[in-house]
Amino acid sequence: MRTDKAKQVSAIASLASVIAAIVGGAATLMKAEWLPTTLSAMYVALAGALVAAITSLVVARNLRNHRKPKSVFLIYSRKDLPIAKELSAFLSDAGYAPWLDVEQLVPGQVWRQAIVRAIQDSGVAIALLSENLSSSRESQAELMAAMKVLSAKDRETFPVLPVRLDNSEVPKDLAHVQWVNWNDPEAKSQILLGLAYATGVSLPSPRREA
């Protein structure tokens, strides 16, 4: 589970920091022969802290790299479900693995945990923006979670692709991101272009209907 891996990262960093502090403190108190001065002990402690920071960064980066770039989490209002299903089918035909709750959740599953895990495993999310989404607390919560979980300071692209279904206002946190107009004839092509840019995975376009 992604949550467990995140805890492992935190535990590794904490353990490294503790070890560094113990080594530095012991060296200072005992004035070991291999550390002739207190300043040397401080250097050891600083070096240990640096190792802890690097370890945490490397492990966290590796966890991000284990995300499934082809997995696309869909955020929508239940009132916009027909459009969400249409987009899900289109993405599947294009070679992506869309995660749509009504298609993925099974009876007996703890849906909140399943949604969080799906967001954590996804390479990117698509938010179907509409008046319906704006008035849905659950959908808004999913949007906020996706932006928080998927965001990374070292990424040039934003992990949530906004797709406007109507003339509703774009949320403030997405105002800086180029959005797609669903009513544009080229909307689906633009979505594929955005996904390829955000994930680094370029897939063949789906077959056109005759």
N, C-alpha and C. Protein backbone atom coordinates (compact mmCIF):
# COMPACT_ATOMS: atom_id res chain seq x y z
N MET A 1 0.84 -1.20 0.00
CA MET A 1 0.00 0.00 0.00
C MET A 1 0.87 1.24 0.00
N ARG A 2 0.40 2.30 -0.71
CA ARG A 2 1.18 3.52 -0.80
C ARG A 2 1.37 4.18 0.55
N THR A 3 0.32 4.12 1.40
CA THR A 3 0.41 4.72 2.72
C THR A 3 1.48 4.05 3.55
N ASP A 4 1.56 2.72 3.47
CA ASP A 4 2.58 1.99 4.22
C ASP A 4 3.97 2.36 3.75
N LYS A 5 4.15 2.53 2.46
CA LYS A 5 5.46 2.90 1.92
C LYS A 5 5.86 4.30 2.39
N ALA A 6 4.88 5.19 2.45
CA ALA A 6 5.17 6.54 2.93
C ALA A 6 5.62 6.50 4.38
N LYS A 7 4.99 5.62 5.18
CA LYS A 7 5.39 5.47 6.57
C LYS A 7 6.81 4.92 6.66
N GLN A 8 7.15 4.02 5.74
CA GLN A 8 8.50 3.47 5.73
C GLN A 8 9.52 4.55 5.45
N VAL A 9 9.21 5.45 4.54
CA VAL A 9 10.11 6.57 4.24
C VAL A 9 10.35 7.41 5.48
N SER A 10 9.25 7.74 6.17
CA SER A 10 9.36 8.55 7.38
C SER A 10 10.17 7.84 8.45
N ALA A 11 9.94 6.53 8.59
CA ALA A 11 10.65 5.75 9.60
C ALA A 11 12.15 5.70 9.31
N ILE A 12 12.51 5.51 8.03
CA ILE A 12 13.93 5.47 7.66
C ILE A 12 14.61 6.79 7.96
N ALA A 13 13.95 7.89 7.59
CA ALA A 13 14.53 9.20 7.84
C ALA A 13 14.68 9.47 9.33
N SER A 14 13.66 9.09 10.09
CA SER A 14 13.72 9.32 11.54
C SER A 14 14.83 8.50 12.18
N LEU A 15 14.96 7.24 11.76
CA LEU A 15 15.99 6.37 12.31
C LEU A 15 17.38 6.92 12.00
N ALA A 16 17.58 7.38 10.77
CA ALA A 16 18.88 7.93 10.39
C ALA A 16 19.20 9.17 11.22
N SER A 17 18.20 10.00 11.46
CA SER A 17 18.40 11.21 12.27
C SER A 17 18.77 10.85 13.70
N VAL A 18 18.08 9.85 14.25
CA VAL A 18 18.37 9.41 15.62
C VAL A 18 19.79 8.88 15.73
N ILE A 19 20.19 8.06 14.76
CA ILE A 19 21.54 7.51 14.77
C ILE A 19 22.58 8.62 14.69
N ALA A 20 22.31 9.60 13.85
CA ALA A 20 23.24 10.72 13.71
C ALA A 20 23.38 11.49 15.03
N ALA A 21 22.24 11.70 15.69
CA ALA A 21 22.27 12.43 16.96
C ALA A 21 23.02 11.64 18.03
N ILE A 22 22.80 10.31 18.06
CA ILE A 22 23.48 9.48 19.05
C ILE A 22 24.98 9.49 18.83
N VAL A 23 25.38 9.34 17.57
CA VAL A 23 26.83 9.33 17.26
C VAL A 23 27.46 10.66 17.63
N GLY A 24 26.82 11.74 17.25
CA GLY A 24 27.38 13.06 17.56
C GLY A 24 27.45 13.31 19.05
N GLY A 25 26.35 12.94 19.76
CA GLY A 25 26.33 13.16 21.20
C GLY A 25 27.35 12.31 21.93
N ALA A 26 27.45 11.05 21.53
CA ALA A 26 28.42 10.15 22.18
C ALA A 26 29.84 10.62 21.94
N ALA A 27 30.09 11.07 20.72
CA ALA A 27 31.44 11.53 20.40
C ALA A 27 31.80 12.77 21.22
N THR A 28 30.84 13.62 21.44
CA THR A 28 31.10 14.83 22.20
C THR A 28 31.37 14.51 23.67
N LEU A 29 30.53 13.62 24.24
CA LEU A 29 30.67 13.30 25.66
C LEU A 29 31.91 12.46 25.95
N MET A 30 32.18 11.52 25.08
CA MET A 30 33.29 10.60 25.32
C MET A 30 34.61 11.13 24.78
N LYS A 31 34.53 12.13 23.91
CA LYS A 31 35.74 12.69 23.30
C LYS A 31 36.62 11.57 22.76
N ALA A 32 36.04 10.79 21.86
CA ALA A 32 36.76 9.65 21.31
C ALA A 32 38.03 10.10 20.61
N GLU A 33 39.01 9.21 20.59
CA GLU A 33 40.31 9.54 20.03
C GLU A 33 40.21 9.88 18.55
N TRP A 34 39.26 9.23 17.86
CA TRP A 34 39.15 9.50 16.43
C TRP A 34 38.42 10.81 16.14
N LEU A 35 37.95 11.49 17.22
CA LEU A 35 37.36 12.81 17.08
C LEU A 35 38.07 13.74 18.06
N PRO A 36 39.14 14.37 17.66
CA PRO A 36 39.95 15.16 18.58
C PRO A 36 39.25 16.39 19.12
N THR A 37 38.24 16.89 18.46
CA THR A 37 37.58 18.12 18.91
C THR A 37 36.07 17.97 18.88
N THR A 38 35.44 18.86 19.66
CA THR A 38 33.97 18.89 19.67
C THR A 38 33.44 19.26 18.29
N LEU A 39 34.20 20.09 17.59
CA LEU A 39 33.79 20.51 16.25
C LEU A 39 33.67 19.31 15.31
N SER A 40 34.59 18.36 15.47
CA SER A 40 34.53 17.16 14.64
C SER A 40 33.25 16.38 14.91
N ALA A 41 32.86 16.32 16.18
CA ALA A 41 31.62 15.63 16.54
C ALA A 41 30.42 16.30 15.88
N MET A 42 30.47 17.62 15.83
CA MET A 42 29.38 18.35 15.18
C MET A 42 29.34 18.01 13.70
N TYR A 43 30.50 17.86 13.09
CA TYR A 43 30.56 17.50 11.68
C TYR A 43 29.92 16.13 11.46
N VAL A 44 30.17 15.20 12.38
CA VAL A 44 29.59 13.86 12.28
C VAL A 44 28.06 13.94 12.33
N ALA A 45 27.57 14.74 13.28
CA ALA A 45 26.13 14.88 13.43
C ALA A 45 25.51 15.49 12.17
N LEU A 46 26.17 16.53 11.64
CA LEU A 46 25.66 17.17 10.43
C LEU A 46 25.68 16.20 9.25
N ALA A 47 26.76 15.42 9.17
CA ALA A 47 26.85 14.45 8.08
C ALA A 47 25.74 13.41 8.19
N GLY A 48 25.46 12.98 9.41
CA GLY A 48 24.38 12.01 9.62
C GLY A 48 23.03 12.58 9.23
N ALA A 49 22.81 13.85 9.59
CA ALA A 49 21.55 14.50 9.23
C ALA A 49 21.42 14.61 7.71
N LEU A 50 22.56 14.89 7.04
CA LEU A 50 22.55 14.99 5.58
C LEU A 50 22.21 13.65 4.95
N VAL A 51 22.79 12.59 5.49
CA VAL A 51 22.48 11.24 5.00
C VAL A 51 21.00 10.93 5.16
N ALA A 52 20.44 11.33 6.31
CA ALA A 52 19.02 11.08 6.56
C ALA A 52 18.16 11.81 5.54
N ALA A 53 18.52 13.07 5.26
CA ALA A 53 17.74 13.86 4.31
C ALA A 53 17.81 13.26 2.91
N ILE A 54 19.02 12.86 2.50
CA ILE A 54 19.20 12.29 1.17
C ILE A 54 18.45 10.97 1.05
N THR A 55 18.52 10.15 2.11
CA THR A 55 17.81 8.87 2.11
C THR A 55 16.32 9.07 1.94
N SER A 56 15.78 10.03 2.70
CA SER A 56 14.35 10.31 2.62
C SER A 56 13.96 10.77 1.22
N LEU A 57 14.79 11.65 0.63
CA LEU A 57 14.49 12.19 -0.69
C LEU A 57 14.53 11.10 -1.75
N VAL A 58 15.56 10.26 -1.70
CA VAL A 58 15.71 9.19 -2.69
C VAL A 58 14.57 8.19 -2.61
N VAL A 59 14.22 7.77 -1.39
CA VAL A 59 13.15 6.80 -1.23
C VAL A 59 11.81 7.39 -1.68
N ALA A 60 11.57 8.66 -1.30
CA ALA A 60 10.32 9.31 -1.71
C ALA A 60 10.23 9.42 -3.22
N ARG A 61 11.36 9.76 -3.86
CA ARG A 61 11.37 9.86 -5.31
C ARG A 61 11.09 8.50 -5.96
N ASN A 62 11.66 7.45 -5.38
CA ASN A 62 11.43 6.11 -5.91
C ASN A 62 9.97 5.72 -5.79
N LEU A 63 9.34 6.13 -4.68
CA LEU A 63 7.93 5.83 -4.52
C LEU A 63 7.10 6.54 -5.58
N ARG A 64 7.44 7.80 -5.87
CA ARG A 64 6.73 8.53 -6.91
C ARG A 64 6.91 7.84 -8.26
N ASN A 65 8.12 7.34 -8.50
CA ASN A 65 8.40 6.68 -9.76
C ASN A 65 7.63 5.37 -9.92
N HIS A 66 7.15 4.80 -8.79
CA HIS A 66 6.39 3.56 -8.85
C HIS A 66 4.92 3.81 -9.15
N ARG A 67 4.53 5.07 -9.24
CA ARG A 67 3.16 5.35 -9.65
C ARG A 67 2.95 4.84 -11.07
N LYS A 68 1.71 4.52 -11.38
CA LYS A 68 1.39 3.98 -12.69
C LYS A 68 1.05 5.14 -13.63
N PRO A 69 1.96 5.50 -14.53
CA PRO A 69 1.74 6.67 -15.39
C PRO A 69 0.51 6.55 -16.27
N LYS A 70 0.12 5.32 -16.61
CA LYS A 70 -1.04 5.14 -17.47
C LYS A 70 -2.35 5.19 -16.67
N SER A 71 -2.27 5.17 -15.35
CA SER A 71 -3.46 5.20 -14.52
C SER A 71 -3.95 6.63 -14.37
N VAL A 72 -5.21 6.87 -14.73
CA VAL A 72 -5.79 8.22 -14.71
C VAL A 72 -7.00 8.22 -13.78
N PHE A 73 -6.92 9.00 -12.73
CA PHE A 73 -8.02 9.09 -11.77
C PHE A 73 -9.02 10.15 -12.25
N LEU A 74 -10.28 9.77 -12.35
CA LEU A 74 -11.32 10.68 -12.85
C LEU A 74 -12.11 11.27 -11.69
N ILE A 75 -12.16 12.61 -11.65
CA ILE A 75 -12.90 13.33 -10.62
C ILE A 75 -14.11 13.97 -11.29
N TYR A 76 -15.29 13.71 -10.78
CA TYR A 76 -16.51 14.19 -11.43
C TYR A 76 -17.65 14.22 -10.43
N SER A 77 -18.73 14.87 -10.84
CA SER A 77 -19.97 14.84 -10.06
C SER A 77 -20.84 13.71 -10.58
N ARG A 78 -21.59 13.07 -9.70
CA ARG A 78 -22.46 11.98 -10.13
C ARG A 78 -23.47 12.45 -11.19
N LYS A 79 -23.79 13.71 -11.18
CA LYS A 79 -24.71 14.24 -12.18
C LYS A 79 -24.07 14.28 -13.57
N ASP A 80 -22.74 14.19 -13.60
CA ASP A 80 -22.01 14.20 -14.88
C ASP A 80 -21.49 12.80 -15.22
N LEU A 81 -22.09 11.78 -14.62
CA LEU A 81 -21.62 10.41 -14.82
C LEU A 81 -21.60 9.97 -16.29
N PRO A 82 -22.61 10.31 -17.09
CA PRO A 82 -22.56 9.89 -18.51
C PRO A 82 -21.31 10.39 -19.23
N ILE A 83 -20.91 11.62 -18.95
CA ILE A 83 -19.71 12.16 -19.58
C ILE A 83 -18.47 11.46 -19.03
N ALA A 84 -18.47 11.20 -17.73
CA ALA A 84 -17.33 10.51 -17.11
C ALA A 84 -17.16 9.12 -17.71
N LYS A 85 -18.26 8.41 -17.94
CA LYS A 85 -18.19 7.09 -18.55
C LYS A 85 -17.69 7.17 -19.99
N GLU A 86 -18.15 8.17 -20.71
CA GLU A 86 -17.70 8.36 -22.09
C GLU A 86 -16.20 8.60 -22.14
N LEU A 87 -15.71 9.44 -21.24
CA LEU A 87 -14.28 9.73 -21.20
C LEU A 87 -13.50 8.50 -20.77
N SER A 88 -14.03 7.75 -19.82
CA SER A 88 -13.36 6.55 -19.35
C SER A 88 -13.19 5.55 -20.49
N ALA A 89 -14.24 5.36 -21.28
CA ALA A 89 -14.17 4.43 -22.41
C ALA A 89 -13.16 4.93 -23.45
N PHE A 90 -13.14 6.22 -23.68
CA PHE A 90 -12.21 6.80 -24.64
C PHE A 90 -10.76 6.59 -24.19
N LEU A 91 -10.50 6.82 -22.91
CA LEU A 91 -9.13 6.65 -22.40
C LEU A 91 -8.70 5.19 -22.45
N SER A 92 -9.63 4.29 -22.18
CA SER A 92 -9.30 2.86 -22.26
C SER A 92 -8.91 2.48 -23.68
N ASP A 93 -9.65 2.99 -24.66
CA ASP A 93 -9.35 2.72 -26.06
C ASP A 93 -7.99 3.30 -26.45
N ALA A 94 -7.59 4.38 -25.76
CA ALA A 94 -6.33 5.04 -26.07
C ALA A 94 -5.14 4.36 -25.39
N GLY A 95 -5.41 3.37 -24.53
CA GLY A 95 -4.32 2.65 -23.88
C GLY A 95 -4.06 3.05 -22.45
N TYR A 96 -4.88 3.98 -21.92
CA TYR A 96 -4.73 4.37 -20.53
C TYR A 96 -5.59 3.47 -19.64
N ALA A 97 -5.39 3.59 -18.34
CA ALA A 97 -6.16 2.81 -17.37
C ALA A 97 -6.94 3.78 -16.49
N PRO A 98 -8.10 4.24 -16.95
CA PRO A 98 -8.88 5.20 -16.15
C PRO A 98 -9.45 4.56 -14.90
N TRP A 99 -9.48 5.33 -13.81
CA TRP A 99 -10.06 4.85 -12.56
C TRP A 99 -11.33 5.65 -12.31
N LEU A 100 -12.46 4.99 -12.54
CA LEU A 100 -13.78 5.59 -12.33
C LEU A 100 -14.47 4.78 -11.25
N ASP A 101 -14.89 5.44 -10.17
CA ASP A 101 -15.37 4.73 -9.00
C ASP A 101 -16.48 3.73 -9.30
N VAL A 102 -17.44 4.11 -10.13
CA VAL A 102 -18.56 3.20 -10.40
C VAL A 102 -18.12 1.97 -11.18
N GLU A 103 -16.96 2.04 -11.81
CA GLU A 103 -16.45 0.90 -12.57
C GLU A 103 -15.44 0.06 -11.78
N GLN A 104 -14.85 0.66 -10.75
CA GLN A 104 -13.78 -0.01 -10.02
C GLN A 104 -14.18 -0.53 -8.64
N LEU A 105 -15.05 0.18 -7.94
CA LEU A 105 -15.44 -0.23 -6.59
C LEU A 105 -16.34 -1.46 -6.63
N VAL A 106 -16.13 -2.35 -5.66
CA VAL A 106 -16.94 -3.57 -5.59
C VAL A 106 -17.66 -3.62 -4.24
N PRO A 107 -18.75 -4.37 -4.15
CA PRO A 107 -19.50 -4.47 -2.88
C PRO A 107 -18.60 -4.93 -1.73
N GLY A 108 -18.74 -4.29 -0.60
CA GLY A 108 -17.97 -4.64 0.58
C GLY A 108 -16.65 -3.89 0.69
N GLN A 109 -16.26 -3.18 -0.35
CA GLN A 109 -15.00 -2.44 -0.32
C GLN A 109 -15.18 -1.13 0.43
N VAL A 110 -14.17 -0.73 1.22
CA VAL A 110 -14.20 0.55 1.92
C VAL A 110 -13.85 1.62 0.89
N TRP A 111 -14.86 2.30 0.41
CA TRP A 111 -14.67 3.14 -0.76
C TRP A 111 -13.76 4.34 -0.51
N ARG A 112 -13.78 4.90 0.68
CA ARG A 112 -12.90 6.04 0.95
C ARG A 112 -11.43 5.64 0.83
N GLN A 113 -11.08 4.52 1.42
CA GLN A 113 -9.70 4.05 1.35
C GLN A 113 -9.32 3.67 -0.08
N ALA A 114 -10.26 3.08 -0.80
CA ALA A 114 -10.00 2.69 -2.18
C ALA A 114 -9.73 3.91 -3.05
N ILE A 115 -10.47 4.98 -2.81
CA ILE A 115 -10.28 6.21 -3.58
C ILE A 115 -8.92 6.83 -3.29
N VAL A 116 -8.56 6.88 -2.01
CA VAL A 116 -7.26 7.44 -1.64
C VAL A 116 -6.13 6.63 -2.28
N ARG A 117 -6.25 5.32 -2.23
CA ARG A 117 -5.20 4.47 -2.81
C ARG A 117 -5.13 4.67 -4.32
N ALA A 118 -6.29 4.81 -4.96
CA ALA A 118 -6.31 5.01 -6.41
C ALA A 118 -5.64 6.32 -6.79
N ILE A 119 -5.86 7.36 -5.99
CA ILE A 119 -5.21 8.65 -6.25
C ILE A 119 -3.70 8.50 -6.10
N GLN A 120 -3.28 7.82 -5.05
CA GLN A 120 -1.86 7.65 -4.79
C GLN A 120 -1.16 6.85 -5.88
N ASP A 121 -1.87 5.91 -6.48
CA ASP A 121 -1.28 5.06 -7.51
C ASP A 121 -1.33 5.68 -8.90
N SER A 122 -2.11 6.73 -9.07
CA SER A 122 -2.30 7.31 -10.40
C SER A 122 -1.14 8.22 -10.80
N GLY A 123 -0.92 8.27 -12.09
CA GLY A 123 0.10 9.18 -12.60
C GLY A 123 -0.44 10.58 -12.76
N VAL A 124 -1.74 10.70 -12.97
CA VAL A 124 -2.36 12.01 -13.18
C VAL A 124 -3.86 11.85 -12.91
N ALA A 125 -4.53 12.97 -12.70
CA ALA A 125 -5.99 12.98 -12.51
C ALA A 125 -6.62 13.94 -13.50
N ILE A 126 -7.85 13.65 -13.86
CA ILE A 126 -8.64 14.55 -14.71
C ILE A 126 -9.85 14.99 -13.91
N ALA A 127 -10.05 16.30 -13.84
CA ALA A 127 -11.20 16.85 -13.11
C ALA A 127 -12.21 17.39 -14.11
N LEU A 128 -13.41 16.83 -14.09
CA LEU A 128 -14.48 17.29 -14.96
C LEU A 128 -15.20 18.45 -14.25
N LEU A 129 -14.80 19.65 -14.59
CA LEU A 129 -15.31 20.83 -13.90
C LEU A 129 -16.68 21.23 -14.42
N SER A 130 -17.59 21.47 -13.49
CA SER A 130 -18.94 21.89 -13.85
C SER A 130 -19.61 22.49 -12.62
N GLU A 131 -20.79 23.05 -12.83
CA GLU A 131 -21.56 23.54 -11.70
C GLU A 131 -21.89 22.40 -10.75
N ASN A 132 -22.11 21.24 -11.30
CA ASN A 132 -22.41 20.07 -10.47
C ASN A 132 -21.24 19.72 -9.57
N LEU A 133 -20.03 19.77 -10.13
CA LEU A 133 -18.84 19.47 -9.33
C LEU A 133 -18.65 20.50 -8.22
N SER A 134 -18.90 21.76 -8.55
CA SER A 134 -18.71 22.84 -7.59
C SER A 134 -19.63 22.69 -6.38
N SER A 135 -20.79 22.08 -6.59
CA SER A 135 -21.77 21.94 -5.50
C SER A 135 -21.67 20.59 -4.80
N SER A 136 -20.71 19.75 -5.20
CA SER A 136 -20.56 18.42 -4.59
C SER A 136 -19.39 18.43 -3.63
N ARG A 137 -19.66 18.23 -2.34
CA ARG A 137 -18.61 18.24 -1.33
C ARG A 137 -17.65 17.07 -1.52
N GLU A 138 -18.20 15.91 -1.83
CA GLU A 138 -17.35 14.73 -2.00
C GLU A 138 -16.41 14.90 -3.19
N SER A 139 -16.93 15.43 -4.29
CA SER A 139 -16.10 15.64 -5.47
C SER A 139 -15.03 16.68 -5.21
N GLN A 140 -15.39 17.73 -4.49
CA GLN A 140 -14.42 18.75 -4.13
C GLN A 140 -13.32 18.18 -3.24
N ALA A 141 -13.70 17.29 -2.33
CA ALA A 141 -12.72 16.66 -1.45
C ALA A 141 -11.75 15.79 -2.26
N GLU A 142 -12.27 15.07 -3.25
CA GLU A 142 -11.41 14.26 -4.11
C GLU A 142 -10.45 15.14 -4.89
N LEU A 143 -10.94 16.27 -5.37
CA LEU A 143 -10.09 17.19 -6.13
C LEU A 143 -8.95 17.72 -5.26
N MET A 144 -9.28 18.13 -4.04
CA MET A 144 -8.25 18.64 -3.14
C MET A 144 -7.23 17.54 -2.80
N ALA A 145 -7.73 16.32 -2.58
CA ALA A 145 -6.83 15.21 -2.26
C ALA A 145 -5.90 14.91 -3.42
N ALA A 146 -6.42 14.92 -4.63
CA ALA A 146 -5.60 14.64 -5.81
C ALA A 146 -4.51 15.69 -5.98
N MET A 147 -4.86 16.95 -5.80
CA MET A 147 -3.86 18.01 -5.95
C MET A 147 -2.78 17.91 -4.88
N LYS A 148 -3.18 17.51 -3.69
CA LYS A 148 -2.21 17.40 -2.59
C LYS A 148 -1.31 16.18 -2.75
N VAL A 149 -1.90 15.04 -3.07
CA VAL A 149 -1.13 13.79 -3.15
C VAL A 149 -0.22 13.74 -4.37
N LEU A 150 -0.74 14.18 -5.52
CA LEU A 150 0.01 14.03 -6.76
C LEU A 150 1.02 15.15 -7.01
N SER A 151 0.86 16.27 -6.33
CA SER A 151 1.76 17.39 -6.57
C SER A 151 3.18 17.06 -6.13
N ALA A 152 4.16 17.59 -6.86
CA ALA A 152 5.57 17.44 -6.52
C ALA A 152 6.29 18.70 -6.95
N LYS A 153 7.18 19.20 -6.10
CA LYS A 153 7.85 20.46 -6.38
C LYS A 153 8.75 20.39 -7.62
N ASP A 154 9.24 19.18 -7.94
CA ASP A 154 10.17 19.07 -9.05
C ASP A 154 9.47 18.77 -10.38
N ARG A 155 8.14 18.90 -10.42
CA ARG A 155 7.41 18.63 -11.65
C ARG A 155 7.08 19.93 -12.35
N GLU A 156 7.30 19.95 -13.66
CA GLU A 156 7.00 21.13 -14.45
C GLU A 156 5.52 21.23 -14.77
N THR A 157 4.85 20.10 -14.81
CA THR A 157 3.44 20.07 -15.13
C THR A 157 2.61 19.83 -13.87
N PHE A 158 1.35 20.26 -13.92
CA PHE A 158 0.46 20.06 -12.78
C PHE A 158 -0.21 18.70 -12.94
N PRO A 159 -0.39 17.95 -11.85
CA PRO A 159 -0.89 16.57 -11.94
C PRO A 159 -2.38 16.44 -12.14
N VAL A 160 -3.11 17.56 -12.17
CA VAL A 160 -4.56 17.50 -12.37
C VAL A 160 -4.90 18.27 -13.64
N LEU A 161 -5.49 17.58 -14.60
CA LEU A 161 -5.87 18.19 -15.87
C LEU A 161 -7.33 18.64 -15.80
N PRO A 162 -7.59 19.96 -15.88
CA PRO A 162 -8.97 20.45 -15.80
C PRO A 162 -9.67 20.33 -17.16
N VAL A 163 -10.88 19.78 -17.12
CA VAL A 163 -11.71 19.70 -18.32
C VAL A 163 -13.05 20.36 -18.00
N ARG A 164 -13.34 21.45 -18.66
CA ARG A 164 -14.56 22.20 -18.36
C ARG A 164 -15.73 21.67 -19.17
N LEU A 165 -16.80 21.32 -18.47
CA LEU A 165 -18.00 20.81 -19.13
C LEU A 165 -19.00 21.91 -19.44
N ASP A 166 -18.90 23.03 -18.71
CA ASP A 166 -19.81 24.15 -18.92
C ASP A 166 -19.05 25.44 -18.63
N ASN A 167 -19.77 26.51 -18.38
CA ASN A 167 -19.14 27.81 -18.15
C ASN A 167 -18.87 28.09 -16.68
N SER A 168 -18.88 27.07 -15.87
CA SER A 168 -18.60 27.27 -14.45
C SER A 168 -17.18 27.77 -14.25
N GLU A 169 -16.98 28.48 -13.16
CA GLU A 169 -15.67 29.07 -12.88
C GLU A 169 -14.66 28.00 -12.51
N VAL A 170 -13.44 28.16 -13.01
CA VAL A 170 -12.36 27.23 -12.69
C VAL A 170 -11.91 27.49 -11.26
N PRO A 171 -11.78 26.45 -10.43
CA PRO A 171 -11.33 26.63 -9.04
C PRO A 171 -10.01 27.40 -8.98
N LYS A 172 -9.86 28.18 -7.93
CA LYS A 172 -8.68 29.02 -7.78
C LYS A 172 -7.39 28.23 -7.87
N ASP A 173 -7.37 27.05 -7.27
CA ASP A 173 -6.16 26.23 -7.26
C ASP A 173 -5.80 25.66 -8.62
N LEU A 174 -6.73 25.77 -9.59
CA LEU A 174 -6.47 25.29 -10.94
C LEU A 174 -6.44 26.41 -11.97
N ALA A 175 -6.55 27.64 -11.49
CA ALA A 175 -6.63 28.77 -12.40
C ALA A 175 -5.36 28.96 -13.22
N HIS A 176 -4.23 28.45 -12.73
CA HIS A 176 -2.96 28.62 -13.43
C HIS A 176 -2.68 27.49 -14.41
N VAL A 177 -3.59 26.53 -14.51
CA VAL A 177 -3.38 25.36 -15.36
C VAL A 177 -4.21 25.49 -16.63
N GLN A 178 -3.60 25.21 -17.78
CA GLN A 178 -4.33 25.24 -19.04
C GLN A 178 -5.41 24.18 -19.05
N TRP A 179 -6.65 24.59 -19.31
CA TRP A 179 -7.76 23.64 -19.25
C TRP A 179 -8.24 23.27 -20.65
N VAL A 180 -9.08 22.24 -20.69
CA VAL A 180 -9.64 21.75 -21.95
C VAL A 180 -11.15 22.01 -21.94
N ASN A 181 -11.66 22.50 -23.06
CA ASN A 181 -13.10 22.72 -23.22
C ASN A 181 -13.73 21.45 -23.80
N TRP A 182 -14.56 20.77 -23.00
CA TRP A 182 -15.14 19.50 -23.42
C TRP A 182 -15.98 19.66 -24.68
N ASN A 183 -16.55 20.83 -24.89
CA ASN A 183 -17.42 21.06 -26.04
C ASN A 183 -16.64 21.39 -27.32
N ASP A 184 -15.33 21.49 -27.20
CA ASP A 184 -14.49 21.71 -28.37
C ASP A 184 -14.38 20.39 -29.15
N PRO A 185 -14.54 20.44 -30.48
CA PRO A 185 -14.43 19.21 -31.28
C PRO A 185 -13.10 18.47 -31.09
N GLU A 186 -12.07 19.20 -30.72
CA GLU A 186 -10.75 18.59 -30.52
C GLU A 186 -10.46 18.29 -29.05
N ALA A 187 -11.49 18.30 -28.22
CA ALA A 187 -11.29 18.15 -26.78
C ALA A 187 -10.57 16.85 -26.42
N LYS A 188 -11.00 15.74 -26.99
CA LYS A 188 -10.40 14.46 -26.63
C LYS A 188 -8.94 14.38 -27.07
N SER A 189 -8.65 14.94 -28.23
CA SER A 189 -7.25 14.97 -28.69
C SER A 189 -6.40 15.82 -27.76
N GLN A 190 -6.98 16.92 -27.29
CA GLN A 190 -6.26 17.79 -26.36
C GLN A 190 -6.02 17.09 -25.02
N ILE A 191 -6.98 16.29 -24.59
CA ILE A 191 -6.84 15.54 -23.34
C ILE A 191 -5.68 14.54 -23.47
N LEU A 192 -5.62 13.84 -24.59
CA LEU A 192 -4.52 12.90 -24.81
C LEU A 192 -3.18 13.61 -24.83
N LEU A 193 -3.15 14.78 -25.44
CA LEU A 193 -1.92 15.57 -25.50
C LEU A 193 -1.50 15.98 -24.09
N GLY A 194 -2.47 16.41 -23.29
CA GLY A 194 -2.17 16.82 -21.92
C GLY A 194 -1.70 15.65 -21.07
N LEU A 195 -2.31 14.49 -21.24
CA LEU A 195 -1.90 13.32 -20.47
C LEU A 195 -0.48 12.89 -20.85
N ALA A 196 -0.18 12.91 -22.15
CA ALA A 196 1.15 12.53 -22.60
C ALA A 196 2.20 13.48 -22.03
N TYR A 197 1.87 14.75 -21.98
CA TYR A 197 2.81 15.74 -21.47
C TYR A 197 3.00 15.59 -19.96
N ALA A 198 1.91 15.31 -19.25
CA ALA A 198 1.96 15.22 -17.79
C ALA A 198 2.63 13.94 -17.30
N THR A 199 2.44 12.85 -18.04
CA THR A 199 2.95 11.56 -17.58
C THR A 199 4.22 11.12 -18.29
N GLY A 200 4.51 11.74 -19.43
CA GLY A 200 5.68 11.32 -20.19
C GLY A 200 5.42 10.07 -20.99
N VAL A 201 4.16 9.63 -21.05
CA VAL A 201 3.79 8.42 -21.78
C VAL A 201 2.94 8.82 -22.98
N SER A 202 3.46 8.61 -24.16
CA SER A 202 2.73 8.93 -25.38
C SER A 202 2.15 7.64 -25.95
N LEU A 203 0.83 7.60 -26.07
CA LEU A 203 0.16 6.38 -26.54
C LEU A 203 -0.52 6.64 -27.87
N PRO A 204 -0.74 5.59 -28.66
CA PRO A 204 -1.44 5.76 -29.93
C PRO A 204 -2.83 6.29 -29.72
N SER A 205 -3.33 7.09 -30.65
CA SER A 205 -4.68 7.61 -30.55
C SER A 205 -5.68 6.48 -30.76
N PRO A 206 -6.83 6.56 -30.09
CA PRO A 206 -7.83 5.51 -30.25
C PRO A 206 -8.38 5.49 -31.68
N ARG A 207 -8.92 4.37 -32.06
CA ARG A 207 -9.48 4.27 -33.41
C ARG A 207 -10.70 5.15 -33.53
N ARG A 208 -10.80 5.84 -34.67
CA ARG A 208 -11.95 6.69 -34.91
C ARG A 208 -13.12 5.82 -35.34
N GLU A 209 -14.30 6.25 -34.87
CA GLU A 209 -15.49 5.51 -35.25
C GLU A 209 -15.84 5.81 -36.72
N ALA A 210 -16.29 4.80 -37.43
CA ALA A 210 -16.63 4.96 -38.84
C ALA A 210 -17.88 5.80 -38.99
